[in-house]
């Protein structure tokens, strides 16, 4: 018995609400997989053009104090 037939047997007795929840999960999972696969086969130049400046409005910061801690010198 293949995996699809096993899944059908497991899903058949489920309630309508459970089936809807499973369908939402499978839909989101499939969308993510398709997107990942598209990026995987995309030429690097296109990927860079697509993602270039994606963090322009949210720059990466280290949030360090303006003056470093004063520490004892090593002897």
Protein backbone atom coordinates (compact mmCIF):
# COMPACT_ATOMS: atom_id res chain seq x y z
CA UNK A 1 0.00 0.00 0.00
CA UNK A 2 1.42 3.38 -0.98
CA UNK A 3 1.47 6.52 1.16
CA UNK A 4 -1.46 8.19 -0.66
CA UNK A 5 -3.77 5.25 0.02
CA UNK A 6 -2.69 5.23 3.67
CA UNK A 7 -3.46 8.94 3.90
CA UNK A 8 -6.90 8.43 2.37
CA UNK A 9 -7.68 5.73 4.94
CA UNK A 10 -6.56 8.01 7.78
CA UNK A 11 -8.47 11.05 6.51
CA UNK A 12 -11.77 9.32 5.68
CA UNK A 13 -13.08 9.07 9.27
CA UNK A 14 -12.03 12.65 10.17
CA UNK A 15 -14.56 15.38 10.85
CA UNK A 16 -15.14 18.14 8.34
CA UNK A 17 -13.35 20.66 10.60
CA UNK A 18 -10.32 18.38 10.90
CA UNK A 19 -10.25 17.86 7.15
CA UNK A 20 -10.39 21.65 6.60
CA UNK A 21 -7.51 22.13 9.04
CA UNK A 22 -5.49 19.44 7.26
CA UNK A 23 -6.25 21.04 3.89
CA UNK A 24 -5.03 24.43 5.15
CA UNK A 25 -1.81 22.85 6.42
CA UNK A 26 -1.20 20.98 3.16
CA UNK A 27 -1.92 24.09 1.10
CA UNK A 28 0.55 26.21 3.09
CA UNK A 29 3.15 23.45 3.00
CA UNK A 30 2.78 23.02 -0.75
CA UNK A 31 3.06 26.78 -1.31
CA UNK A 32 6.27 26.90 0.73
CA UNK A 33 7.71 23.91 -1.12
CA UNK A 34 6.91 25.41 -4.53
CA UNK A 35 8.46 28.75 -3.53
CA UNK A 36 11.59 27.07 -2.19
CA UNK A 37 11.94 24.99 -5.33
CA UNK A 38 11.53 28.07 -7.53
CA UNK A 39 14.27 29.89 -5.62
CA UNK A 40 16.50 26.84 -5.83
CA UNK A 41 16.35 26.84 -9.64
CA UNK A 42 16.49 30.62 -10.05
CA UNK A 43 19.71 32.06 -11.50
CA UNK A 44 21.79 33.83 -8.86
CA UNK A 45 21.54 37.17 -10.66
CA UNK A 46 17.74 37.05 -10.57
CA UNK A 47 17.75 36.10 -6.90
CA UNK A 48 19.99 39.06 -6.05
CA UNK A 49 17.77 41.43 -8.05
CA UNK A 50 14.70 40.08 -6.28
CA UNK A 51 16.10 40.32 -2.77
CA UNK A 52 18.30 43.40 -3.17
CA UNK A 53 17.58 45.98 -0.48
CA UNK A 54 14.93 43.81 1.15
CA UNK A 55 16.21 45.02 4.54
CA UNK A 56 16.54 48.69 3.54
CA UNK A 57 13.72 49.74 5.87
CA UNK A 58 14.93 47.48 8.70
CA UNK A 59 18.72 47.78 8.94
CA UNK A 60 20.73 45.32 10.99
CA UNK A 61 22.03 46.93 14.17
CA UNK A 62 24.23 45.62 16.95
CA UNK A 63 22.70 47.83 19.69
CA UNK A 64 25.97 48.26 21.54
CA UNK A 65 26.56 51.02 24.07
CA UNK A 66 28.34 54.07 22.63
CA UNK A 67 31.38 53.50 24.86
CA UNK A 68 32.88 50.06 25.48
CA UNK A 69 33.22 48.72 29.01
CA UNK A 70 36.40 49.70 30.86
CA UNK A 71 38.33 46.60 31.80
CA UNK A 72 41.48 45.85 33.71
CA UNK A 73 44.63 45.52 31.67
CA UNK A 74 46.15 42.08 31.21
CA UNK A 75 49.36 41.68 33.18
